[in-house]
Amino acid sequence: MRQHAPRPGPEGPAPPVWTGRATNRMQWLPAVGGAACLALGIRLAVVSSWASGIAPLLMAVIGCVAVGLLVLFGTLAFVQVAVRVDDHAMEVRCGHIGVPRRRIPLSHVVGAEFDPAVTPRQWGGWGYRWRPEKGTAVIVRRGEGLVLRLGDGRIFTVTVDDAESGVHAIRGLLRRAAPPAPTGPASV
């Protein structure tokens, strides 16, 4: 979202760093449901009379705790995404603790494109997604996205605010890293 001004260093100005974020506040609703399920499992373990049978109660406690943790982690991991692009790589971090994360070296990138309308429906929902015909994506909300084309033919998409400026930053870094084109006829 922001492009930081280059800072001068001993070798001249440092390359620009671009950062962007996207959030999805709607993900908090399933997270609350997961927390409630987790709390129910804990309450069952602490308050219930174990005299009615250990197996059914144990299954209920384990089931509630497991489902609660899965839903809670699965939704909180994709409440937000942070993208950072520097002269070495693009790094994508999900959630408040940055997990899952993906680092793609710019040496593996052959192109970057802006997609103005990425939707969870195209990818089969929110989260870290893979579709054979589309590639891999981190989808936290609908809207604009940054699409990387990698040298091995794969595609990586991430929904992020101000994705268009991220695409321009990546293209600039790719042009800068590319060797200069020959200017005259080759001598034999």
Protein backbone atom coordinates (compact mmCIF):
# COMPACT_ATOMS: atom_id res chain seq x y z
CA MET A 1 0.00 0.00 0.00
CA ARG A 2 2.85 2.35 0.77
CA GLN A 3 6.03 2.77 -1.14
CA HIS A 4 8.83 3.89 1.09
CA ALA A 5 11.34 6.43 -0.18
CA PRO A 6 14.77 5.02 -0.93
CA ARG A 7 17.36 5.71 1.76
CA PRO A 8 20.88 6.59 0.69
CA GLY A 9 23.51 4.06 1.65
CA PRO A 10 27.22 3.62 0.99
CA GLU A 11 26.51 2.23 -2.48
CA GLY A 12 23.87 4.84 -3.36
CA PRO A 13 20.11 4.86 -2.76
CA ALA A 14 18.57 1.68 -1.44
CA PRO A 15 15.93 0.06 -3.65
CA PRO A 16 12.31 0.89 -2.82
CA VAL A 17 10.23 -1.32 -0.58
CA TRP A 18 6.51 -1.69 -1.26
CA THR A 19 4.10 -2.92 1.38
CA GLY A 20 0.41 -3.67 1.15
CA ARG A 21 -2.32 -5.13 3.34
CA ALA A 22 -5.81 -6.44 3.08
CA THR A 23 -8.24 -7.30 5.86
CA ASN A 24 -11.53 -9.10 6.15
CA ARG A 25 -13.45 -8.22 9.27
CA MET A 26 -16.15 -10.78 8.39
CA GLN A 27 -13.70 -13.54 9.32
CA TRP A 28 -14.17 -12.55 12.97
CA LEU A 29 -17.69 -14.05 12.92
CA PRO A 30 -16.56 -17.67 12.37
CA ALA A 31 -13.69 -17.01 14.81
CA VAL A 32 -16.23 -16.15 17.51
CA GLY A 33 -18.08 -19.39 16.69
CA GLY A 34 -14.82 -21.34 17.03
CA ALA A 35 -14.08 -19.68 20.39
CA ALA A 36 -17.60 -20.54 21.58
CA CYS A 37 -17.14 -24.19 20.57
CA LEU A 38 -13.78 -24.28 22.36
CA ALA A 39 -15.35 -22.75 25.48
CA LEU A 40 -18.16 -25.32 25.34
CA GLY A 41 -15.62 -28.16 25.23
CA ILE A 42 -13.77 -26.75 28.23
CA ARG A 43 -17.02 -26.19 30.12
CA LEU A 44 -18.12 -29.77 29.42
CA ALA A 45 -14.81 -31.09 30.75
CA VAL A 46 -14.92 -29.03 33.93
CA VAL A 47 -18.60 -28.82 34.92
CA SER A 48 -20.20 -32.03 33.62
CA SER A 49 -20.90 -35.06 35.74
CA TRP A 50 -18.64 -37.81 34.47
CA ALA A 51 -20.99 -40.38 36.04
CA SER A 52 -23.16 -40.63 32.93
CA GLY A 53 -20.41 -42.33 30.94
CA ILE A 54 -16.86 -41.44 30.16
CA ALA A 55 -16.80 -42.32 26.45
CA PRO A 56 -19.64 -40.05 25.24
CA LEU A 57 -18.51 -37.13 27.38
CA LEU A 58 -14.88 -37.54 26.36
CA MET A 59 -15.88 -37.62 22.69
CA ALA A 60 -17.95 -34.45 23.15
CA VAL A 61 -15.13 -32.63 24.94
CA ILE A 62 -12.46 -33.65 22.41
CA GLY A 63 -14.79 -32.89 19.49
CA CYS A 64 -15.71 -29.42 20.74
CA VAL A 65 -12.12 -28.50 21.58
CA ALA A 66 -10.78 -29.80 18.25
CA VAL A 67 -13.45 -28.10 16.15
CA GLY A 68 -13.07 -24.90 18.16
CA LEU A 69 -9.30 -24.79 17.66
CA LEU A 70 -9.52 -25.60 13.95
CA VAL A 71 -12.16 -22.97 13.26
CA LEU A 72 -10.45 -20.39 15.45
CA PHE A 73 -7.01 -20.85 13.88
CA GLY A 74 -8.37 -21.32 10.36
CA THR A 75 -10.29 -18.05 10.45
CA LEU A 76 -7.81 -15.91 12.39
CA ALA A 77 -5.02 -16.94 10.05
CA PHE A 78 -6.89 -15.26 7.20
CA VAL A 79 -8.32 -12.14 8.83
CA GLN A 80 -5.54 -10.14 7.21
CA VAL A 81 -2.64 -10.46 4.82
CA ALA A 82 0.52 -8.37 4.65
CA VAL A 83 2.64 -8.22 1.49
CA ARG A 84 6.18 -6.86 1.32
CA VAL A 85 8.18 -6.45 -1.86
CA ASP A 86 11.86 -5.51 -1.87
CA ASP A 87 14.65 -6.00 -4.38
CA HIS A 88 15.05 -9.67 -3.37
CA ALA A 89 11.58 -11.15 -2.91
CA MET A 90 7.87 -10.77 -2.35
CA GLU A 91 6.83 -12.01 1.07
CA VAL A 92 3.22 -12.75 2.02
CA ARG A 93 2.28 -13.15 5.69
CA CYS A 94 -1.18 -14.13 6.85
CA GLY A 95 -2.95 -13.40 10.11
CA HIS A 96 -1.68 -11.56 13.14
CA ILE A 97 1.26 -13.89 13.71
CA GLY A 98 2.31 -14.15 10.06
CA VAL A 99 1.49 -17.83 9.53
CA PRO A 100 1.15 -19.21 6.94
CA ARG A 101 3.75 -17.25 5.02
CA ARG A 102 5.20 -17.48 1.54
CA ARG A 103 8.39 -15.96 0.18
CA ILE A 104 8.87 -15.79 -3.58
CA PRO A 105 12.31 -14.65 -4.78
CA LEU A 106 12.04 -12.07 -7.58
CA SER A 107 14.54 -14.16 -9.54
CA HIS A 108 11.67 -16.69 -9.96
CA VAL A 109 9.21 -14.05 -11.20
CA VAL A 110 8.79 -13.43 -14.94
CA GLY A 111 5.82 -11.07 -14.76
CA ALA A 112 3.31 -9.28 -12.55
CA GLU A 113 -0.27 -8.35 -13.39
CA PHE A 114 -3.09 -6.44 -11.74
CA ASP A 115 -6.45 -8.20 -11.38
CA PRO A 116 -9.22 -5.73 -10.39
CA ALA A 117 -11.78 -8.38 -9.42
CA VAL A 118 -10.50 -11.40 -7.48
CA THR A 119 -13.29 -13.18 -5.61
CA PRO A 120 -13.31 -16.03 -3.09
CA ARG A 121 -15.85 -17.74 -5.33
CA GLN A 122 -13.27 -18.01 -8.15
CA TRP A 123 -10.91 -19.80 -5.77
CA GLY A 124 -13.35 -21.90 -3.74
CA GLY A 125 -13.39 -19.73 -0.61
CA TRP A 126 -11.14 -17.71 1.64
CA GLY A 127 -7.70 -18.77 2.73
CA TYR A 128 -4.67 -20.34 1.12
CA ARG A 129 -6.01 -21.91 -2.07
CA TRP A 130 -4.75 -24.05 -4.93
CA ARG A 131 -6.55 -24.82 -8.17
CA PRO A 132 -4.81 -26.75 -10.94
CA GLU A 133 -5.99 -24.45 -13.70
CA LYS A 134 -5.36 -21.20 -11.78
CA GLY A 135 -2.36 -21.78 -9.50
CA THR A 136 -2.00 -20.80 -5.84
CA ALA A 137 -3.61 -17.86 -4.04
CA VAL A 138 -4.02 -16.17 -0.69
CA ILE A 139 -7.57 -14.83 -0.62
CA VAL A 140 -8.71 -12.79 2.38
CA ARG A 141 -11.42 -10.74 0.68
CA ARG A 142 -12.90 -9.89 -2.68
CA GLY A 143 -11.38 -7.07 -4.68
CA GLU A 144 -8.14 -6.19 -6.35
CA GLY A 145 -5.26 -8.60 -6.42
CA LEU A 146 -1.66 -8.97 -7.47
CA VAL A 147 -0.87 -11.88 -9.82
CA LEU A 148 2.68 -13.17 -10.22
CA ARG A 149 3.75 -15.33 -13.12
CA LEU A 150 6.66 -17.54 -12.11
CA GLY A 151 9.42 -18.91 -14.32
CA ASP A 152 8.25 -22.50 -13.89
CA GLY A 153 4.81 -21.67 -15.33
CA ARG A 154 3.00 -21.43 -12.00
CA ILE A 155 0.86 -18.47 -10.96
CA PHE A 156 0.53 -16.92 -7.49
CA THR A 157 -2.31 -14.51 -6.63
CA VAL A 158 -2.85 -12.47 -3.48
CA THR A 159 -5.66 -10.06 -2.63
CA VAL A 160 -4.16 -6.83 -1.35
CA ASP A 161 -5.15 -3.17 -1.26
CA ASP A 162 -3.50 -0.96 -3.88
CA ALA A 163 -2.34 -4.01 -5.82
CA GLU A 164 -1.74 -1.91 -8.93
CA SER A 165 1.09 0.03 -7.28
CA GLY A 166 2.52 -3.30 -6.08
CA VAL A 167 2.53 -4.55 -9.67
CA HIS A 168 4.35 -1.37 -10.78
CA ALA A 169 6.93 -1.81 -8.01
CA ILE A 170 7.57 -5.45 -8.98
CA ARG A 171 7.82 -4.59 -12.68
CA GLY A 172 10.31 -1.84 -11.86
CA LEU A 173 12.42 -4.19 -9.79
CA LEU A 174 12.30 -6.83 -12.54
CA ARG A 175 13.42 -4.26 -15.16
CA ARG A 176 16.22 -3.15 -12.89
CA ALA A 177 17.44 -6.73 -12.35
CA ALA A 178 17.22 -7.69 -16.05
CA PRO A 179 20.51 -7.61 -17.97
CA PRO A 180 20.74 -4.78 -20.50
CA ALA A 181 19.72 -5.67 -24.05
CA PRO A 182 22.46 -5.67 -26.69
CA THR A 183 22.52 -2.38 -28.59
CA GLY A 184 24.46 -3.17 -31.72
CA PRO A 185 25.12 -6.07 -34.08
CA ALA A 186 27.03 -8.94 -32.56
CA SER A 187 30.59 -9.30 -33.76
CA VAL A 188 31.75 -12.69 -34.96
